[in-house]
Amino acid sequence: MGLKNNNSEYGSLARALHWLVAIGLFVLIYLGLEQGGMERGDERSRIRFIHASIAAITLMLMTIRVVWRFMNEVPAKPDGMPAWQSTVSSLVHWGLYITVFAQLFAGAMVVGTGGKGIPVFGLFTIPLPVTENHDAHEWWEEVHEFAWKPLAALIIVHILGALYNHFIAKNDVVRRMMIGVK
């Protein structure tokens, strides 16, 4: 297995980025739901700080992932995959990319329009080129609170598609993103 993708499987960098972004997204959804019902206070602020830090890293990893995808070959769809499944697969992948970026951007705008920069685990803060604006802050907060739902739905469809390909279609779709094809 090399660093770059080939016609039959993803390279080690694409695999690592896929799983790191996936872990980041699951943690972000969990932390977002966890702090969503909490009263304002130190504990909620601490969770928001961790949430924002992980979001900044996830955004960086996702950006690298998309750039790497454009710089590399994408493995071919499995032989015999119906055209409709190939189309749905492509739509789900691009939908994931769009909703991930939309959700991360909306979260950054919540922080920025709240008059702050994005903290990265207390190491540094990423300044944002927006000013504090209460109305914009409220709007971006609503967008951020909504956008995780289509993102979660697409993640579920993605996972179900992977499980279908592995257990029912019995092709190499999952193996090429995990351990490589035989």
N, C-alpha and C. Protein backbone atom coordinates (compact mmCIF):
# COMPACT_ATOMS: atom_id res chain seq x y z
N MET A 1 0.85 -1.17 0.00
CA MET A 1 0.00 0.00 0.00
C MET A 1 0.90 1.23 0.00
N GLY A 2 0.69 2.09 -0.98
CA GLY A 2 1.46 3.30 -1.07
C GLY A 2 0.72 4.49 -0.50
N LEU A 3 1.36 5.62 -0.59
CA LEU A 3 0.77 6.86 -0.11
C LEU A 3 -0.40 7.30 -0.99
N LYS A 4 -0.22 7.12 -2.30
CA LYS A 4 -1.23 7.59 -3.26
C LYS A 4 -2.25 6.50 -3.58
N ASN A 5 -3.41 6.94 -4.04
CA ASN A 5 -4.46 6.03 -4.48
C ASN A 5 -4.04 5.38 -5.79
N ASN A 6 -4.69 4.26 -6.09
CA ASN A 6 -4.56 3.67 -7.43
C ASN A 6 -5.94 3.25 -7.90
N ASN A 7 -6.04 2.57 -9.00
CA ASN A 7 -7.34 2.23 -9.58
C ASN A 7 -8.15 1.26 -8.72
N SER A 8 -7.49 0.53 -7.81
CA SER A 8 -8.23 -0.47 -7.04
C SER A 8 -8.40 -0.14 -5.56
N GLU A 9 -7.58 0.77 -5.02
CA GLU A 9 -7.72 1.07 -3.60
C GLU A 9 -7.19 2.46 -3.27
N TYR A 10 -7.56 2.92 -2.09
CA TYR A 10 -7.09 4.21 -1.60
C TYR A 10 -5.71 4.05 -0.99
N GLY A 11 -4.91 5.09 -1.12
CA GLY A 11 -3.59 5.09 -0.52
C GLY A 11 -3.67 5.36 0.98
N SER A 12 -2.51 5.24 1.63
CA SER A 12 -2.48 5.38 3.09
C SER A 12 -2.90 6.77 3.56
N LEU A 13 -2.56 7.82 2.81
CA LEU A 13 -2.95 9.17 3.24
C LEU A 13 -4.47 9.36 3.14
N ALA A 14 -5.07 8.91 2.05
CA ALA A 14 -6.53 9.03 1.89
C ALA A 14 -7.25 8.25 2.99
N ARG A 15 -6.75 7.07 3.30
CA ARG A 15 -7.36 6.25 4.36
C ARG A 15 -7.25 6.96 5.71
N ALA A 16 -6.06 7.44 6.03
CA ALA A 16 -5.87 8.11 7.32
C ALA A 16 -6.77 9.34 7.43
N LEU A 17 -6.83 10.13 6.37
CA LEU A 17 -7.67 11.34 6.40
C LEU A 17 -9.14 10.97 6.53
N HIS A 18 -9.59 9.93 5.82
CA HIS A 18 -10.98 9.49 5.91
C HIS A 18 -11.35 9.16 7.36
N TRP A 19 -10.52 8.35 8.02
CA TRP A 19 -10.86 7.90 9.36
C TRP A 19 -10.67 8.98 10.40
N LEU A 20 -9.67 9.84 10.24
CA LEU A 20 -9.50 10.95 11.17
C LEU A 20 -10.66 11.94 11.09
N VAL A 21 -11.11 12.24 9.87
CA VAL A 21 -12.26 13.13 9.71
C VAL A 21 -13.52 12.46 10.28
N ALA A 22 -13.69 11.16 10.01
CA ALA A 22 -14.86 10.45 10.55
C ALA A 22 -14.89 10.51 12.07
N ILE A 23 -13.75 10.23 12.69
CA ILE A 23 -13.68 10.29 14.16
C ILE A 23 -13.99 11.71 14.63
N GLY A 24 -13.40 12.70 13.97
CA GLY A 24 -13.66 14.09 14.33
C GLY A 24 -15.14 14.43 14.25
N LEU A 25 -15.79 14.00 13.18
CA LEU A 25 -17.21 14.30 13.00
C LEU A 25 -18.07 13.63 14.08
N PHE A 26 -17.77 12.38 14.39
CA PHE A 26 -18.54 11.70 15.43
C PHE A 26 -18.36 12.40 16.78
N VAL A 27 -17.14 12.78 17.10
CA VAL A 27 -16.88 13.48 18.37
C VAL A 27 -17.59 14.84 18.37
N LEU A 28 -17.54 15.55 17.24
CA LEU A 28 -18.19 16.86 17.17
C LEU A 28 -19.70 16.75 17.33
N ILE A 29 -20.31 15.76 16.68
CA ILE A 29 -21.76 15.58 16.82
C ILE A 29 -22.09 15.25 18.28
N TYR A 30 -21.32 14.35 18.87
CA TYR A 30 -21.56 14.00 20.28
C TYR A 30 -21.44 15.22 21.19
N LEU A 31 -20.33 15.95 21.05
CA LEU A 31 -20.12 17.13 21.91
C LEU A 31 -21.18 18.20 21.66
N GLY A 32 -21.58 18.38 20.41
CA GLY A 32 -22.62 19.36 20.10
C GLY A 32 -23.93 19.01 20.76
N LEU A 33 -24.30 17.73 20.70
CA LEU A 33 -25.54 17.29 21.34
C LEU A 33 -25.43 17.36 22.86
N GLU A 34 -24.27 17.01 23.37
CA GLU A 34 -24.04 17.03 24.83
C GLU A 34 -24.20 18.44 25.38
N GLN A 35 -23.57 19.43 24.76
CA GLN A 35 -23.62 20.79 25.30
C GLN A 35 -24.91 21.51 24.95
N GLY A 36 -25.63 21.00 23.96
CA GLY A 36 -26.85 21.67 23.51
C GLY A 36 -27.90 21.81 24.58
N GLY A 37 -28.01 20.83 25.45
CA GLY A 37 -29.03 20.88 26.49
C GLY A 37 -28.53 21.39 27.83
N MET A 38 -27.28 21.83 27.88
CA MET A 38 -26.71 22.26 29.15
C MET A 38 -27.02 23.73 29.44
N GLU A 39 -27.07 24.04 30.72
CA GLU A 39 -27.20 25.43 31.15
C GLU A 39 -25.87 26.13 30.89
N ARG A 40 -25.93 27.44 30.69
CA ARG A 40 -24.70 28.22 30.53
C ARG A 40 -23.87 28.07 31.80
N GLY A 41 -22.56 27.98 31.61
CA GLY A 41 -21.68 27.84 32.76
C GLY A 41 -20.33 27.28 32.34
N ASP A 42 -19.51 26.98 33.34
CA ASP A 42 -18.14 26.53 33.08
C ASP A 42 -18.09 25.22 32.31
N GLU A 43 -18.92 24.26 32.69
CA GLU A 43 -18.88 22.95 32.02
C GLU A 43 -19.26 23.08 30.54
N ARG A 44 -20.31 23.83 30.26
CA ARG A 44 -20.73 24.04 28.87
C ARG A 44 -19.64 24.80 28.10
N SER A 45 -19.04 25.80 28.71
CA SER A 45 -17.96 26.54 28.06
C SER A 45 -16.77 25.63 27.76
N ARG A 46 -16.45 24.74 28.66
CA ARG A 46 -15.34 23.80 28.47
C ARG A 46 -15.64 22.86 27.30
N ILE A 47 -16.86 22.36 27.21
CA ILE A 47 -17.23 21.48 26.10
C ILE A 47 -17.21 22.24 24.78
N ARG A 48 -17.69 23.48 24.78
CA ARG A 48 -17.66 24.30 23.56
C ARG A 48 -16.23 24.57 23.11
N PHE A 49 -15.33 24.79 24.07
CA PHE A 49 -13.92 25.02 23.77
C PHE A 49 -13.33 23.78 23.07
N ILE A 50 -13.58 22.61 23.64
CA ILE A 50 -13.09 21.36 23.03
C ILE A 50 -13.74 21.14 21.67
N HIS A 51 -15.04 21.40 21.57
CA HIS A 51 -15.78 21.26 20.31
C HIS A 51 -15.17 22.16 19.23
N ALA A 52 -14.90 23.41 19.56
CA ALA A 52 -14.32 24.35 18.59
C ALA A 52 -12.92 23.93 18.19
N SER A 53 -12.14 23.44 19.13
CA SER A 53 -10.77 23.00 18.84
C SER A 53 -10.76 21.81 17.90
N ILE A 54 -11.62 20.83 18.18
CA ILE A 54 -11.70 19.65 17.32
C ILE A 54 -12.24 20.04 15.95
N ALA A 55 -13.18 20.98 15.91
CA ALA A 55 -13.73 21.44 14.63
C ALA A 55 -12.64 22.09 13.77
N ALA A 56 -11.76 22.87 14.38
CA ALA A 56 -10.68 23.52 13.63
C ALA A 56 -9.76 22.47 13.01
N ILE A 57 -9.43 21.44 13.78
CA ILE A 57 -8.56 20.38 13.28
C ILE A 57 -9.28 19.57 12.20
N THR A 58 -10.56 19.28 12.42
CA THR A 58 -11.34 18.53 11.43
C THR A 58 -11.45 19.31 10.12
N LEU A 59 -11.64 20.62 10.22
CA LEU A 59 -11.70 21.44 9.00
C LEU A 59 -10.37 21.38 8.24
N MET A 60 -9.27 21.45 8.95
CA MET A 60 -7.96 21.36 8.31
C MET A 60 -7.80 19.99 7.63
N LEU A 61 -8.14 18.92 8.34
CA LEU A 61 -8.02 17.58 7.78
C LEU A 61 -8.94 17.38 6.58
N MET A 62 -10.17 17.90 6.68
CA MET A 62 -11.12 17.77 5.57
C MET A 62 -10.64 18.53 4.35
N THR A 63 -10.06 19.69 4.56
CA THR A 63 -9.53 20.47 3.44
C THR A 63 -8.39 19.71 2.75
N ILE A 64 -7.49 19.17 3.55
CA ILE A 64 -6.41 18.36 2.98
C ILE A 64 -6.98 17.16 2.24
N ARG A 65 -8.01 16.54 2.81
CA ARG A 65 -8.62 15.36 2.19
C ARG A 65 -9.19 15.68 0.81
N VAL A 66 -9.91 16.78 0.69
CA VAL A 66 -10.51 17.13 -0.59
C VAL A 66 -9.43 17.51 -1.61
N VAL A 67 -8.43 18.26 -1.17
CA VAL A 67 -7.32 18.61 -2.08
C VAL A 67 -6.62 17.33 -2.54
N TRP A 68 -6.36 16.41 -1.62
CA TRP A 68 -5.71 15.15 -1.96
C TRP A 68 -6.56 14.34 -2.94
N ARG A 69 -7.86 14.38 -2.76
CA ARG A 69 -8.75 13.65 -3.68
C ARG A 69 -8.62 14.19 -5.10
N PHE A 70 -8.53 15.51 -5.25
CA PHE A 70 -8.39 16.09 -6.59
C PHE A 70 -7.01 15.82 -7.18
N MET A 71 -6.02 15.57 -6.34
CA MET A 71 -4.66 15.33 -6.81
C MET A 71 -4.41 13.85 -7.12
N ASN A 72 -5.35 12.98 -6.78
CA ASN A 72 -5.16 11.54 -6.91
C ASN A 72 -6.25 10.89 -7.74
N GLU A 73 -5.91 9.74 -8.22
CA GLU A 73 -6.88 8.88 -8.89
C GLU A 73 -7.89 8.41 -7.84
N VAL A 74 -9.14 8.27 -8.26
CA VAL A 74 -10.15 7.71 -7.37
C VAL A 74 -10.36 6.26 -7.80
N PRO A 75 -10.29 5.31 -6.88
CA PRO A 75 -10.48 3.91 -7.27
C PRO A 75 -11.80 3.73 -8.03
N ALA A 76 -11.75 2.83 -8.98
CA ALA A 76 -12.92 2.54 -9.83
C ALA A 76 -14.03 1.92 -8.98
N LYS A 77 -15.25 2.13 -9.41
CA LYS A 77 -16.39 1.47 -8.77
C LYS A 77 -16.26 -0.03 -9.02
N PRO A 78 -16.81 -0.86 -8.14
CA PRO A 78 -16.70 -2.31 -8.32
C PRO A 78 -17.37 -2.77 -9.62
N ASP A 79 -16.80 -3.80 -10.21
CA ASP A 79 -17.41 -4.40 -11.41
C ASP A 79 -18.82 -4.85 -11.08
N GLY A 80 -19.72 -4.59 -11.98
CA GLY A 80 -21.10 -5.04 -11.81
C GLY A 80 -21.96 -4.13 -10.96
N MET A 81 -21.43 -3.03 -10.46
CA MET A 81 -22.24 -2.10 -9.66
C MET A 81 -23.22 -1.41 -10.60
N PRO A 82 -24.52 -1.49 -10.30
CA PRO A 82 -25.51 -0.82 -11.15
C PRO A 82 -25.25 0.69 -11.22
N ALA A 83 -25.61 1.28 -12.34
CA ALA A 83 -25.38 2.71 -12.55
C ALA A 83 -26.05 3.55 -11.48
N TRP A 84 -27.25 3.17 -11.04
CA TRP A 84 -27.95 3.98 -10.04
C TRP A 84 -27.19 3.98 -8.71
N GLN A 85 -26.57 2.82 -8.36
CA GLN A 85 -25.80 2.77 -7.12
C GLN A 85 -24.54 3.63 -7.23
N SER A 86 -23.93 3.61 -8.38
CA SER A 86 -22.75 4.45 -8.61
C SER A 86 -23.12 5.93 -8.48
N THR A 87 -24.26 6.29 -9.05
CA THR A 87 -24.72 7.68 -8.98
C THR A 87 -25.03 8.08 -7.54
N VAL A 88 -25.74 7.22 -6.82
CA VAL A 88 -26.07 7.51 -5.42
C VAL A 88 -24.80 7.61 -4.59
N SER A 89 -23.85 6.73 -4.83
CA SER A 89 -22.57 6.78 -4.12
C SER A 89 -21.88 8.12 -4.33
N SER A 90 -21.82 8.57 -5.56
CA SER A 90 -21.19 9.86 -5.86
C SER A 90 -21.94 11.01 -5.21
N LEU A 91 -23.27 10.98 -5.28
CA LEU A 91 -24.07 12.04 -4.66
C LEU A 91 -23.88 12.08 -3.15
N VAL A 92 -23.82 10.92 -2.52
CA VAL A 92 -23.64 10.87 -1.07
C VAL A 92 -22.26 11.41 -0.70
N HIS A 93 -21.21 11.00 -1.44
CA HIS A 93 -19.87 11.49 -1.14
C HIS A 93 -19.78 13.01 -1.29
N TRP A 94 -20.29 13.54 -2.41
CA TRP A 94 -20.23 14.99 -2.60
C TRP A 94 -21.13 15.71 -1.61
N GLY A 95 -22.27 15.08 -1.27
CA GLY A 95 -23.14 15.65 -0.25
C GLY A 95 -22.45 15.72 1.10
N LEU A 96 -21.68 14.68 1.42
CA LEU A 96 -20.91 14.70 2.67
C LEU A 96 -19.88 15.82 2.66
N TYR A 97 -19.14 15.96 1.57
CA TYR A 97 -18.14 17.02 1.50
C TYR A 97 -18.80 18.39 1.69
N ILE A 98 -19.90 18.62 1.01
CA ILE A 98 -20.58 19.92 1.08
C ILE A 98 -21.13 20.18 2.48
N THR A 99 -21.81 19.18 3.06
CA THR A 99 -22.41 19.40 4.38
C THR A 99 -21.35 19.50 5.49
N VAL A 100 -20.25 18.76 5.35
CA VAL A 100 -19.17 18.90 6.34
C VAL A 100 -18.63 20.32 6.33
N PHE A 101 -18.31 20.82 5.12
CA PHE A 101 -17.80 22.18 5.03
C PHE A 101 -18.84 23.20 5.48
N ALA A 102 -20.10 23.00 5.11
CA ALA A 102 -21.15 23.94 5.52
C ALA A 102 -21.28 23.96 7.04
N GLN A 103 -21.26 22.80 7.66
CA GLN A 103 -21.40 22.73 9.12
C GLN A 103 -20.20 23.37 9.82
N LEU A 104 -19.00 23.05 9.35
CA LEU A 104 -17.80 23.62 9.96
C LEU A 104 -17.73 25.13 9.74
N PHE A 105 -18.11 25.59 8.55
CA PHE A 105 -18.12 27.03 8.27
C PHE A 105 -19.14 27.74 9.15
N ALA A 106 -20.34 27.15 9.27
CA ALA A 106 -21.38 27.76 10.10
C ALA A 106 -20.92 27.84 11.56
N GLY A 107 -20.27 26.79 12.04
CA GLY A 107 -19.75 26.82 13.41
C GLY A 107 -18.71 27.91 13.60
N ALA A 108 -17.82 28.06 12.61
CA ALA A 108 -16.81 29.12 12.68
C ALA A 108 -17.48 30.50 12.69
N MET A 109 -18.53 30.65 11.90
CA MET A 109 -19.24 31.93 11.86
C MET A 109 -19.96 32.21 13.18
N VAL A 110 -20.44 31.17 13.84
CA VAL A 110 -21.04 31.36 15.17
C VAL A 110 -20.00 31.95 16.11
N VAL A 111 -18.82 31.37 16.09
CA VAL A 111 -17.74 31.86 16.97
C VAL A 111 -17.34 33.28 16.58
N GLY A 112 -17.12 33.51 15.28
CA GLY A 112 -16.66 34.81 14.80
C GLY A 112 -17.66 35.93 15.04
N THR A 113 -18.93 35.67 14.76
CA THR A 113 -19.95 36.71 14.97
C THR A 113 -20.26 36.89 16.44
N GLY A 114 -19.77 35.96 17.27
CA GLY A 114 -19.85 36.12 18.72
C GLY A 114 -18.68 36.94 19.26
N GLY A 115 -17.81 37.38 18.36
CA GLY A 115 -16.71 38.25 18.75
C GLY A 115 -15.44 37.52 19.18
N LYS A 116 -15.32 36.26 18.83
CA LYS A 116 -14.15 35.49 19.26
C LYS A 116 -13.46 34.86 18.06
N GLY A 117 -12.27 34.35 18.32
CA GLY A 117 -11.55 33.53 17.36
C GLY A 117 -11.74 32.07 17.74
N ILE A 118 -11.28 31.18 16.87
CA ILE A 118 -11.44 29.75 17.15
C ILE A 118 -10.25 29.26 17.96
N PRO A 119 -10.51 28.76 19.17
CA PRO A 119 -9.40 28.26 20.00
C PRO A 119 -8.96 26.88 19.52
N VAL A 120 -7.68 26.62 19.63
CA VAL A 120 -7.16 25.30 19.29
C VAL A 120 -6.42 24.76 20.52
N PHE A 121 -7.19 24.16 21.40
CA PHE A 121 -6.71 23.53 22.62
C PHE A 121 -5.81 24.43 23.45
N GLY A 122 -6.07 25.73 23.45
CA GLY A 122 -5.30 26.66 24.25
C GLY A 122 -3.91 26.95 23.71
N LEU A 123 -3.56 26.35 22.58
CA LEU A 123 -2.24 26.57 21.99
C LEU A 123 -2.18 27.89 21.25
N PHE A 124 -3.25 28.18 20.51
CA PHE A 124 -3.38 29.43 19.78
C PHE A 124 -4.83 29.61 19.41
N THR A 125 -5.15 30.79 18.94
CA THR A 125 -6.51 31.10 18.50
C THR A 125 -6.46 31.53 17.05
N ILE A 126 -7.37 31.00 16.25
CA ILE A 126 -7.46 31.38 14.84
C ILE A 126 -8.38 32.58 14.75
N PRO A 127 -7.83 33.75 14.37
CA PRO A 127 -8.69 34.93 14.23
C PRO A 127 -9.59 34.78 12.99
N LEU A 128 -10.77 35.30 13.08
CA LEU A 128 -11.71 35.24 11.96
C LEU A 128 -11.97 36.64 11.43
N PRO A 129 -12.10 36.76 10.11
CA PRO A 129 -12.28 38.09 9.50
C PRO A 129 -13.73 38.57 9.52
N VAL A 130 -14.39 38.38 10.66
CA VAL A 130 -15.76 38.88 10.82
C VAL A 130 -15.83 39.65 12.13
N THR A 131 -16.81 40.51 12.22
CA THR A 131 -16.96 41.29 13.43
C THR A 131 -18.12 40.76 14.26
N GLU A 132 -18.12 41.12 15.50
CA GLU A 132 -19.20 40.71 16.39
C GLU A 132 -20.50 41.32 15.89
N ASN A 133 -21.53 40.48 15.79
CA ASN A 133 -22.83 40.92 15.27
C ASN A 133 -23.89 39.99 15.84
N HIS A 134 -24.71 40.49 16.74
CA HIS A 134 -25.69 39.65 17.44
C HIS A 134 -26.67 38.98 16.48
N ASP A 135 -27.23 39.72 15.53
CA ASP A 135 -28.21 39.14 14.60
C ASP A 135 -27.57 38.06 13.72
N ALA A 136 -26.38 38.35 13.21
CA ALA A 136 -25.68 37.35 12.39
C ALA A 136 -25.32 36.13 13.25
N HIS A 137 -24.92 36.37 14.48
CA HIS A 137 -24.59 35.28 15.40
C HIS A 137 -25.80 34.36 15.58
N GLU A 138 -26.95 34.93 15.83
CA GLU A 138 -28.17 34.13 16.01
C GLU A 138 -28.49 33.33 14.76
N TRP A 139 -28.35 33.97 13.58
CA TRP A 139 -28.65 33.29 12.32
C TRP A 139 -27.70 32.12 12.09
N TRP A 140 -26.39 32.36 12.27
CA TRP A 140 -25.41 31.29 12.05
C TRP A 140 -25.58 30.18 13.08
N GLU A 141 -26.01 30.52 14.28
CA GLU A 141 -26.26 29.50 15.29
C GLU A 141 -27.41 28.59 14.85
N GLU A 142 -28.45 29.18 14.27
CA GLU A 142 -29.58 28.38 13.76
C GLU A 142 -29.13 27.48 12.62
N VAL A 143 -28.32 28.02 11.70
CA VAL A 143 -27.80 27.21 10.59
C VAL A 143 -26.97 26.06 11.15
N HIS A 144 -26.09 26.33 12.10
CA HIS A 144 -25.23 25.31 12.69
C HIS A 144 -26.04 24.24 13.42
N GLU A 145 -27.07 24.67 14.13
CA GLU A 145 -27.91 23.72 14.85
C GLU A 145 -28.76 22.86 13.92
N PHE A 146 -29.04 23.35 12.71
CA PHE A 146 -29.80 22.57 11.74
C PHE A 146 -28.90 21.66 10.91
N ALA A 147 -27.75 22.16 10.47
CA ALA A 147 -26.93 21.49 9.44
C ALA A 147 -26.37 20.14 9.89
N TRP A 148 -26.30 19.87 11.16
CA TRP A 148 -25.79 18.57 11.58
C TRP A 148 -26.77 17.46 11.21
N LYS A 149 -28.04 17.78 11.06
CA LYS A 149 -29.04 16.74 10.77
C LYS A 149 -28.88 16.15 9.36
N PRO A 150 -28.79 16.98 8.29
CA PRO A 150 -28.52 16.36 6.99
C PRO A 150 -27.14 15.71 6.94
N LEU A 151 -26.18 16.27 7.67
CA LEU A 151 -24.86 15.65 7.74
C LEU A 151 -24.96 14.26 8.37
N ALA A 152 -25.65 14.16 9.48
CA ALA A 152 -25.83 12.87 10.15
C ALA A 152 -26.57 11.88 9.24
N ALA A 153 -27.59 12.36 8.53
CA ALA A 153 -28.33 11.48 7.61
C ALA A 153 -27.41 10.95 6.51
N LEU A 154 -26.57 11.81 5.96
CA LEU A 154 -25.64 11.37 4.91
C LEU A 154 -24.60 10.39 5.48
N ILE A 155 -24.15 10.61 6.70
CA ILE A 155 -23.21 9.68 7.33
C ILE A 155 -23.87 8.32 7.47
N ILE A 156 -25.12 8.29 7.90
CA ILE A 156 -25.84 7.02 8.05
C ILE A 156 -25.98 6.32 6.71
N VAL A 157 -26.36 7.05 5.66
CA VAL A 157 -26.49 6.46 4.32
C VAL A 157 -25.12 5.93 3.86
N HIS A 158 -24.07 6.68 4.12
CA HIS A 158 -22.71 6.26 3.76
C HIS A 158 -22.34 4.95 4.46
N ILE A 159 -22.60 4.87 5.75
CA ILE A 159 -22.30 3.65 6.51
C ILE A 159 -23.15 2.48 6.02
N LEU A 160 -24.44 2.72 5.80
CA LEU A 160 -25.31 1.65 5.29
C LEU A 160 -24.85 1.16 3.92
N GLY A 161 -24.42 2.10 3.06
CA GLY A 161 -23.90 1.72 1.75
C GLY A 161 -22.64 0.88 1.87
N ALA A 162 -21.77 1.25 2.79
CA ALA A 162 -20.55 0.48 3.02
C ALA A 162 -20.89 -0.93 3.51
N LEU A 163 -21.81 -1.02 4.47
CA LEU A 163 -22.23 -2.33 4.98
C LEU A 163 -22.88 -3.18 3.89
N TYR A 164 -23.72 -2.57 3.07
CA TYR A 164 -24.33 -3.28 1.94
C TYR A 164 -23.25 -3.84 1.02
N ASN A 165 -22.30 -3.00 0.65
CA ASN A 165 -21.24 -3.44 -0.26
C ASN A 165 -20.41 -4.57 0.35
N HIS A 166 -20.15 -4.50 1.65
CA HIS A 166 -19.31 -5.51 2.28
C HIS A 166 -20.04 -6.83 2.51
N PHE A 167 -21.25 -6.76 3.07
CA PHE A 167 -21.94 -7.98 3.48
C PHE A 167 -22.90 -8.56 2.45
N ILE A 168 -23.47 -7.74 1.61
CA ILE A 168 -24.45 -8.24 0.64
C ILE A 168 -23.83 -8.34 -0.75
N ALA A 169 -23.28 -7.24 -1.26
CA ALA A 169 -22.66 -7.27 -2.59
C ALA A 169 -21.31 -7.99 -2.54
N LYS A 170 -20.72 -8.08 -1.36
CA LYS A 170 -19.44 -8.77 -1.13
C LYS A 170 -18.35 -8.32 -2.09
N ASN A 171 -18.19 -6.99 -2.18
CA ASN A 171 -17.11 -6.44 -3.01
C ASN A 171 -16.04 -5.82 -2.11
N ASP A 172 -15.06 -5.19 -2.70
CA ASP A 172 -13.92 -4.65 -1.96
C ASP A 172 -14.06 -3.19 -1.53
N VAL A 173 -15.25 -2.61 -1.60
CA VAL A 173 -15.42 -1.19 -1.30
C VAL A 173 -14.93 -0.85 0.11
N VAL A 174 -15.29 -1.64 1.09
CA VAL A 174 -14.88 -1.35 2.48
C VAL A 174 -13.41 -1.69 2.68
N ARG A 175 -12.97 -2.83 2.17
CA ARG A 175 -11.57 -3.24 2.35
C ARG A 175 -10.60 -2.22 1.78
N ARG A 176 -10.95 -1.61 0.65
CA ARG A 176 -9.99 -0.67 0.05
C ARG A 176 -9.86 0.62 0.85
N MET A 177 -10.79 0.91 1.77
CA MET A 177 -10.66 2.07 2.65
C MET A 177 -10.16 1.67 4.03
N MET A 178 -10.02 0.36 4.26
CA MET A 178 -9.56 -0.09 5.58
C MET A 178 -8.20 -0.78 5.49
N ILE A 179 -8.18 -1.99 5.00
CA ILE A 179 -6.95 -2.79 5.02
C ILE A 179 -6.37 -3.02 3.63
N GLY A 180 -7.06 -2.59 2.61
CA GLY A 180 -6.59 -2.83 1.25
C GLY A 180 -7.21 -4.08 0.66
N VAL A 181 -7.17 -4.14 -0.63
CA VAL A 181 -7.76 -5.30 -1.32
C VAL A 181 -6.76 -6.44 -1.32
N LYS A 182 -7.30 -7.63 -1.48
CA LYS A 182 -6.45 -8.83 -1.46
C LYS A 182 -5.66 -8.94 -2.75
